[in-house]
Amino acid sequence: MAQLHKRFTDEQIKVLFQSYCQGKISRADLQEMIGIGKSRFFVLLKAYRSNSDRFTIAYQRVLCIFAQKYTLRGAQNCLRPGSNCDLEYILHRGSHFPTQ
């Protein structure tokens, strides 16, 4: 099954959650309509309730943990376009494992 953000727009999901919050539709029916499980439903519902105006289901890319950890100093130079550093440098920098 395709990703949620590829099957529905933000507005469609907002209307469905609004209907759920007003008691017009049951949780089970809503889950079935959009094809998600109970846990994912409550994660989305919490996000919707916290800020319904800015709620989005758009895919949001997150930097990997290693890149976040090492972008503070040396790896920041490595991530610049045109640098000759590679991913192994980022992953092993600061670790106790010898690099070859």
C-alpha atoms as a PDB file:
ATOM      1  CA  MET A   1       0.000   0.000   0.000  1.00  0.00           C
ATOM      2  CA  ALA A   2       1.303   3.475  -0.860  1.00  0.00           C
ATOM      3  CA  GLN A   3       2.419   5.984   1.715  1.00  0.00           C
ATOM      4  CA  LEU A   4      -0.299   8.029   3.396  1.00  0.00           C
ATOM      5  CA  HIS A   5       1.017  11.322   2.008  1.00  0.00           C
ATOM      6  CA  LYS A   6       0.832   9.883  -1.518  1.00  0.00           C
ATOM      7  CA  ARG A   7      -2.766   8.685  -1.159  1.00  0.00           C
ATOM      8  CA  PHE A   8      -4.344  11.699   0.574  1.00  0.00           C
ATOM      9  CA  THR A   9      -3.858  15.447   0.769  1.00  0.00           C
ATOM     10  CA  ASP A  10      -3.433  17.286   4.055  1.00  0.00           C
ATOM     11  CA  GLU A  11      -6.896  18.800   3.657  1.00  0.00           C
ATOM     12  CA  GLN A  12      -8.554  15.411   3.172  1.00  0.00           C
ATOM     13  CA  ILE A  13      -6.977  14.056   6.351  1.00  0.00           C
ATOM     14  CA  LYS A  14      -7.871  17.235   8.262  1.00  0.00           C
ATOM     15  CA  VAL A  15     -11.535  16.880   7.259  1.00  0.00           C
ATOM     16  CA  LEU A  16     -11.557  13.242   8.351  1.00  0.00           C
ATOM     17  CA  PHE A  17      -9.966  14.030  11.731  1.00  0.00           C
ATOM     18  CA  GLN A  18     -12.355  16.924  12.222  1.00  0.00           C
ATOM     19  CA  SER A  19     -15.263  14.544  11.593  1.00  0.00           C
ATOM     20  CA  TYR A  20     -13.802  12.087  14.094  1.00  0.00           C
ATOM     21  CA  CYS A  21     -13.361  14.806  16.744  1.00  0.00           C
ATOM     22  CA  GLN A  22     -16.981  15.896  16.244  1.00  0.00           C
ATOM     23  CA  GLY A  23     -18.183  12.308  16.677  1.00  0.00           C
ATOM     24  CA  LYS A  24     -19.447  11.933  13.109  1.00  0.00           C
ATOM     25  CA  ILE A  25     -17.198   8.970  12.356  1.00  0.00           C
ATOM     26  CA  SER A  26     -15.776   6.174  14.496  1.00  0.00           C
ATOM     27  CA  ARG A  27     -12.074   5.544  14.988  1.00  0.00           C
ATOM     28  CA  ALA A  28     -12.267   2.084  13.424  1.00  0.00           C
ATOM     29  CA  ASP A  29     -14.037   3.425  10.338  1.00  0.00           C
ATOM     30  CA  LEU A  30     -11.528   6.238   9.938  1.00  0.00           C
ATOM     31  CA  GLN A  31      -8.606   3.846  10.311  1.00  0.00           C
ATOM     32  CA  GLU A  32     -10.092   1.585   7.677  1.00  0.00           C
ATOM     33  CA  MET A  33     -10.711   4.501   5.290  1.00  0.00           C
ATOM     34  CA  ILE A  34      -7.139   5.745   5.393  1.00  0.00           C
ATOM     35  CA  GLY A  35      -5.542   2.339   5.879  1.00  0.00           C
ATOM     36  CA  ILE A  36      -3.545   2.820   9.069  1.00  0.00           C
ATOM     37  CA  GLY A  37      -3.258   0.973  12.363  1.00  0.00           C
ATOM     38  CA  LYS A  38      -4.282   2.081  15.820  1.00  0.00           C
ATOM     39  CA  SER A  39      -0.854   3.337  16.907  1.00  0.00           C
ATOM     40  CA  ARG A  40      -0.330   5.407  13.767  1.00  0.00           C
ATOM     41  CA  PHE A  41      -3.862   6.771  14.107  1.00  0.00           C
ATOM     42  CA  PHE A  42      -3.203   8.121  17.584  1.00  0.00           C
ATOM     43  CA  VAL A  43       0.147   9.623  16.574  1.00  0.00           C
ATOM     44  CA  LEU A  44      -1.569  11.515  13.756  1.00  0.00           C
ATOM     45  CA  LEU A  45      -4.519  12.482  15.947  1.00  0.00           C
ATOM     46  CA  LYS A  46      -2.188  13.915  18.589  1.00  0.00           C
ATOM     47  CA  ALA A  47      -0.380  15.963  15.927  1.00  0.00           C
ATOM     48  CA  TYR A  48      -3.709  17.164  14.523  1.00  0.00           C
ATOM     49  CA  ARG A  49      -5.055  18.173  17.933  1.00  0.00           C
ATOM     50  CA  SER A  50      -1.861  19.968  18.942  1.00  0.00           C
ATOM     51  CA  ASN A  51      -2.002  22.295  15.937  1.00  0.00           C
ATOM     52  CA  SER A  52      -4.740  21.639  13.413  1.00  0.00           C
ATOM     53  CA  ASP A  53      -3.832  24.685  11.296  1.00  0.00           C
ATOM     54  CA  ARG A  54      -0.265  23.519  10.660  1.00  0.00           C
ATOM     55  CA  PHE A  55      -0.999  19.773  10.606  1.00  0.00           C
ATOM     56  CA  THR A  56       0.560  17.943   7.674  1.00  0.00           C
ATOM     57  CA  ILE A  57       1.092  14.368   6.555  1.00  0.00           C
ATOM     58  CA  ALA A  58       3.826  15.412   4.134  1.00  0.00           C
ATOM     59  CA  TYR A  59       6.979  13.333   4.175  1.00  0.00           C
ATOM     60  CA  GLN A  60       9.655  15.055   6.227  1.00  0.00           C
ATOM     61  CA  ARG A  61      13.220  13.890   5.805  1.00  0.00           C
ATOM     62  CA  VAL A  62      15.270  13.650   8.981  1.00  0.00           C
ATOM     63  CA  LEU A  63      19.061  13.564   9.087  1.00  0.00           C
ATOM     64  CA  CYS A  64      20.442  10.284  10.328  1.00  0.00           C
ATOM     65  CA  ILE A  65      21.732  10.161  13.910  1.00  0.00           C
ATOM     66  CA  PHE A  66      25.376   9.958  12.829  1.00  0.00           C
ATOM     67  CA  ALA A  67      25.118  13.010  10.615  1.00  0.00           C
ATOM     68  CA  GLN A  68      23.385  14.974  13.386  1.00  0.00           C
ATOM     69  CA  LYS A  69      26.047  13.978  15.904  1.00  0.00           C
ATOM     70  CA  TYR A  70      29.043  14.835  13.761  1.00  0.00           C
ATOM     71  CA  THR A  71      27.876  17.913  11.882  1.00  0.00           C
ATOM     72  CA  LEU A  72      28.916  20.099  14.778  1.00  0.00           C
ATOM     73  CA  ARG A  73      32.581  20.314  13.777  1.00  0.00           C
ATOM     74  CA  GLY A  74      34.735  18.288  11.421  1.00  0.00           C
ATOM     75  CA  ALA A  75      32.012  16.499   9.579  1.00  0.00           C
ATOM     76  CA  GLN A  76      30.395  19.824   8.785  1.00  0.00           C
ATOM     77  CA  ASN A  77      33.254  20.437   6.372  1.00  0.00           C
ATOM     78  CA  CYS A  78      32.820  16.931   5.033  1.00  0.00           C
ATOM     79  CA  LEU A  79      29.174  17.558   4.148  1.00  0.00           C
ATOM     80  CA  ARG A  80      29.909  20.645   2.074  1.00  0.00           C
ATOM     81  CA  PRO A  81      29.497  20.271  -1.682  1.00  0.00           C
ATOM     82  CA  GLY A  82      32.782  19.604  -3.410  1.00  0.00           C
ATOM     83  CA  SER A  83      34.526  18.107  -0.387  1.00  0.00           C
ATOM     84  CA  ASN A  84      36.385  14.852  -0.855  1.00  0.00           C
ATOM     85  CA  CYS A  85      35.242  13.244   2.404  1.00  0.00           C
ATOM     86  CA  ASP A  86      33.062  10.164   2.311  1.00  0.00           C
ATOM     87  CA  LEU A  87      30.356   8.604   4.445  1.00  0.00           C
ATOM     88  CA  GLU A  88      32.827   6.319   6.253  1.00  0.00           C
ATOM     89  CA  TYR A  89      34.549   9.397   7.615  1.00  0.00           C
ATOM     90  CA  ILE A  90      31.291  10.642   9.084  1.00  0.00           C
ATOM     91  CA  LEU A  91      30.317   7.279  10.533  1.00  0.00           C
ATOM     92  CA  HIS A  92      33.691   6.488  12.107  1.00  0.00           C
ATOM     93  CA  ARG A  93      34.828   9.919  13.215  1.00  0.00           C
ATOM     94  CA  GLY A  94      35.058   9.974  16.963  1.00  0.00           C
ATOM     95  CA  SER A  95      34.427   6.259  17.337  1.00  0.00           C
ATOM     96  CA  HIS A  96      36.862   3.900  19.004  1.00  0.00           C
ATOM     97  CA  PHE A  97      37.121   1.703  15.921  1.00  0.00           C
ATOM     98  CA  PRO A  98      40.159   2.116  13.700  1.00  0.00           C
ATOM     99  CA  THR A  99      39.428   3.177  10.141  1.00  0.00           C
ATOM    100  CA  GLN A 100      41.405   1.850   7.209  1.00  0.00           C
END
